[in-house]
Amino acid sequence: MSLPTGATVVGLKCSDGVVVATDSLITWGTFVLSDKGVKAFKLTDTIVLASAGLTSDYQMLVNRLKAQIKLYELNQKKDISVKALSKMLANTLYARRMAPLYAQTVVVGVDADGPQLYSLDMGGSLIPDDFTATGSGTATAYGVLEERYKPSLSVKEAEELAITAVKAGIARDVQSGGDIRVMSVTEDGVTERIVN
């Protein structure tokens, strides 16, 4: 499905954590609304969600998930796992499949089961993977990832590969651009940096 909004979002699972990188351009067709958009969000101390699509839809989704996470943790009396949060998101998207939220999401995190990465489409498909790309810059980003990805990458190496893949998306996709936000998750927590 072709959307009037664009993005390049990349996620990688590596030996000691997971990494996501996104561009920061918010567009509507050929009109640039902002180059300061945020497309990656820290949901817990060890889980990050990144999204491409309609900004209002993924912002609402993030706010809803944050509330659901608090309820889950109050009821279960434990931290939510990456898989449980991803399934919660998949159920939300599936319930809305006839009037979908225009958001393609990537969930990454580290818990007792180690580093994990899930990609989800608008219909709620839940796909575990080692690396993924989404948004209008997907094809170009995948070209970089498929050539250079190895499961043995360290977080530092994965960050550089993610930046390279997003830069490739920006170079070939008119709806991707701006700064690159990189968020890395290890068992020690989430780190974030902006690359110009």
Protein backbone atom coordinates (compact mmCIF):
# COMPACT_ATOMS: atom_id res chain seq x y z
CA MET A 1 0.00 0.00 0.00
CA SER A 2 1.39 3.38 -0.97
CA LEU A 3 1.23 6.02 1.75
CA PRO A 4 1.70 9.79 1.43
CA THR A 5 4.26 9.66 4.25
CA GLY A 6 7.79 8.33 4.05
CA ALA A 7 10.61 7.06 6.27
CA THR A 8 13.59 4.79 6.46
CA VAL A 9 13.63 2.66 9.61
CA VAL A 10 16.21 -0.09 10.20
CA GLY A 11 16.50 -2.66 13.00
CA LEU A 12 19.29 -5.15 13.71
CA LYS A 13 19.80 -7.89 16.28
CA CYS A 14 23.44 -8.37 17.26
CA SER A 15 25.57 -10.43 19.61
CA ASP A 16 25.20 -8.16 22.63
CA GLY A 17 22.01 -6.20 21.97
CA VAL A 18 19.75 -4.65 19.35
CA VAL A 19 19.85 -1.42 17.36
CA VAL A 20 17.30 0.73 15.53
CA ALA A 21 18.01 3.74 13.35
CA THR A 22 15.53 6.12 11.73
CA ASP A 23 15.54 9.24 9.63
CA SER A 24 13.81 12.38 10.96
CA LEU A 25 11.92 13.76 7.94
CA ILE A 26 8.13 14.10 8.26
CA THR A 27 6.49 14.38 4.85
CA TRP A 28 3.08 14.46 3.24
CA GLY A 29 3.51 13.50 -0.38
CA THR A 30 6.20 15.81 -1.74
CA PHE A 31 5.64 18.38 1.02
CA VAL A 32 8.16 18.38 3.90
CA LEU A 33 6.40 19.14 7.18
CA SER A 34 9.47 18.89 9.43
CA ASP A 35 13.02 17.56 9.52
CA LYS A 36 12.88 17.13 13.32
CA GLY A 37 10.51 14.17 13.54
CA VAL A 38 10.94 11.44 16.14
CA LYS A 39 10.25 7.92 14.87
CA ALA A 40 11.87 5.84 17.65
CA PHE A 41 10.55 5.69 21.22
CA LYS A 42 11.80 4.19 24.48
CA LEU A 43 8.88 2.19 25.88
CA THR A 44 10.67 0.61 28.87
CA ASP A 45 14.22 0.55 30.21
CA THR A 46 15.10 -2.19 27.71
CA ILE A 47 12.52 -1.97 24.88
CA VAL A 48 12.33 0.47 21.97
CA LEU A 49 9.70 0.87 19.25
CA ALA A 50 10.49 2.51 15.89
CA SER A 51 7.86 3.26 13.28
CA ALA A 52 7.28 4.45 9.75
CA GLY A 53 3.94 5.73 8.52
CA LEU A 54 1.45 8.34 9.57
CA THR A 55 2.96 10.32 12.45
CA SER A 56 -0.31 10.80 14.35
CA ASP A 57 -1.04 7.05 14.18
CA TYR A 58 2.28 5.90 15.59
CA GLN A 59 2.31 8.65 18.23
CA MET A 60 -1.13 7.52 19.43
CA LEU A 61 0.03 3.90 19.33
CA VAL A 62 3.08 4.68 21.49
CA ASN A 63 0.97 6.54 24.07
CA ARG A 64 -1.51 3.67 24.21
CA LEU A 65 1.26 1.09 24.57
CA LYS A 66 2.88 3.00 27.44
CA ALA A 67 -0.43 2.89 29.33
CA GLN A 68 -0.93 -0.82 28.54
CA ILE A 69 2.60 -1.62 29.71
CA LYS A 70 1.91 0.04 33.09
CA LEU A 71 -1.32 -1.95 33.47
CA TYR A 72 0.44 -5.20 32.52
CA GLU A 73 3.25 -4.61 35.00
CA LEU A 74 0.81 -3.71 37.79
CA ASN A 75 -1.28 -6.83 37.14
CA GLN A 76 1.59 -9.28 36.55
CA LYS A 77 3.94 -7.74 39.13
CA LYS A 78 6.90 -8.10 36.75
CA ASP A 79 8.48 -6.27 33.84
CA ILE A 80 6.95 -6.90 30.44
CA SER A 81 9.02 -9.05 28.07
CA VAL A 82 9.85 -8.02 24.50
CA LYS A 83 7.68 -10.83 23.12
CA ALA A 84 4.70 -9.97 25.35
CA LEU A 85 4.86 -6.30 24.37
CA SER A 86 5.17 -7.21 20.69
CA LYS A 87 2.15 -9.54 20.95
CA MET A 88 0.20 -6.78 22.73
CA LEU A 89 1.00 -4.47 19.80
CA ALA A 90 0.12 -7.16 17.25
CA ASN A 91 -3.28 -7.69 18.93
CA THR A 92 -3.95 -3.93 18.85
CA LEU A 93 -3.09 -3.68 15.15
CA TYR A 94 -5.06 -6.82 14.27
CA ALA A 95 -8.15 -5.51 16.06
CA ARG A 96 -7.93 -2.40 13.84
CA ARG A 97 -7.21 -4.25 10.57
CA MET A 98 -10.46 -3.12 8.89
CA ALA A 99 -9.69 0.53 9.76
CA PRO A 100 -5.93 0.24 10.16
CA LEU A 101 -3.43 2.47 11.85
CA TYR A 102 -1.04 3.53 9.09
CA ALA A 103 2.10 2.45 10.91
CA GLN A 104 4.74 -0.16 10.17
CA THR A 105 6.59 -0.87 13.41
CA VAL A 106 9.80 -2.45 14.63
CA VAL A 107 10.13 -3.53 18.27
CA VAL A 108 13.59 -4.27 19.68
CA GLY A 109 14.69 -5.11 23.17
CA VAL A 110 16.68 -7.26 25.54
CA ASP A 111 15.23 -9.40 28.32
CA ALA A 112 15.83 -12.80 29.94
CA ASP A 113 15.61 -14.41 26.48
CA GLY A 114 18.38 -12.17 25.13
CA PRO A 115 18.28 -9.65 22.26
CA GLN A 116 15.05 -9.71 20.22
CA LEU A 117 13.64 -7.97 17.16
CA TYR A 118 10.07 -8.08 15.82
CA SER A 119 8.60 -6.32 12.81
CA LEU A 120 4.86 -5.69 12.49
CA ASP A 121 2.73 -4.54 9.59
CA MET A 122 -0.56 -2.63 9.72
CA GLY A 123 -2.56 -5.85 9.99
CA GLY A 124 -0.74 -7.05 13.09
CA SER A 125 1.56 -9.68 11.55
CA LEU A 126 4.26 -10.43 14.13
CA ILE A 127 7.56 -11.42 12.52
CA PRO A 128 10.69 -12.22 14.54
CA ASP A 129 13.86 -11.56 12.57
CA ASP A 130 17.58 -10.80 12.75
CA PHE A 131 17.31 -7.57 10.78
CA THR A 132 14.58 -5.56 9.11
CA ALA A 133 13.80 -2.32 7.33
CA THR A 134 10.52 -0.52 6.84
CA GLY A 135 9.17 2.67 5.29
CA SER A 136 9.55 4.14 1.83
CA GLY A 137 13.34 3.67 1.92
CA THR A 138 13.06 -0.07 2.61
CA ALA A 139 14.38 -1.43 -0.68
CA THR A 140 17.62 0.54 -0.59
CA ALA A 141 18.18 -0.10 3.11
CA TYR A 142 17.66 -3.85 2.64
CA GLY A 143 20.30 -3.85 -0.09
CA VAL A 144 22.88 -2.65 2.45
CA LEU A 145 21.65 -4.96 5.24
CA GLU A 146 21.55 -8.11 3.12
CA GLU A 147 25.09 -7.52 1.90
CA ARG A 148 26.72 -6.66 5.25
CA TYR A 149 24.67 -8.13 8.12
CA LYS A 150 26.19 -10.87 10.31
CA PRO A 151 24.68 -12.17 13.59
CA SER A 152 28.11 -11.80 15.23
CA LEU A 153 28.06 -7.98 14.92
CA SER A 154 28.64 -6.04 18.13
CA VAL A 155 26.32 -3.17 19.06
CA LYS A 156 28.94 -0.66 17.87
CA GLU A 157 29.28 -2.43 14.51
CA ALA A 158 25.49 -2.74 14.20
CA GLU A 159 25.09 1.00 14.87
CA GLU A 160 27.44 1.82 11.99
CA LEU A 161 25.67 -0.64 9.67
CA ALA A 162 22.26 0.80 10.63
CA ILE A 163 23.50 4.34 9.94
CA THR A 164 24.86 3.24 6.54
CA ALA A 165 21.54 1.58 5.66
CA VAL A 166 19.48 4.65 6.65
CA LYS A 167 21.87 6.90 4.71
CA ALA A 168 21.32 4.69 1.66
CA GLY A 169 17.56 5.07 2.11
CA ILE A 170 17.90 8.84 2.44
CA ALA A 171 20.06 9.01 -0.70
CA ARG A 172 17.49 7.20 -2.87
CA ASP A 173 14.13 8.03 -1.27
CA VAL A 174 12.78 11.57 -1.58
CA GLN A 175 10.53 11.08 1.48
CA SER A 176 13.43 10.16 3.82
CA GLY A 177 15.93 12.67 5.17
CA GLY A 178 17.11 14.83 8.04
CA ASP A 179 19.17 13.55 10.95
CA ILE A 180 19.56 9.88 11.84
CA ARG A 181 18.42 8.80 15.33
CA VAL A 182 20.17 5.67 16.57
CA MET A 183 18.87 3.82 19.64
CA SER A 184 20.76 0.82 21.01
CA VAL A 185 19.51 -1.58 23.66
CA THR A 186 21.70 -3.84 25.78
CA GLU A 187 21.07 -5.50 29.14
CA ASP A 188 22.34 -2.24 30.66
CA GLY A 189 19.54 -0.19 29.07
CA VAL A 190 18.91 2.16 26.15
CA THR A 191 21.39 4.61 24.66
CA GLU A 192 20.52 7.18 22.01
CA ARG A 193 22.46 9.44 19.68
CA ILE A 194 21.77 11.70 16.73
CA VAL A 195 23.93 11.57 13.60
CA ASN A 196 23.81 14.58 11.25
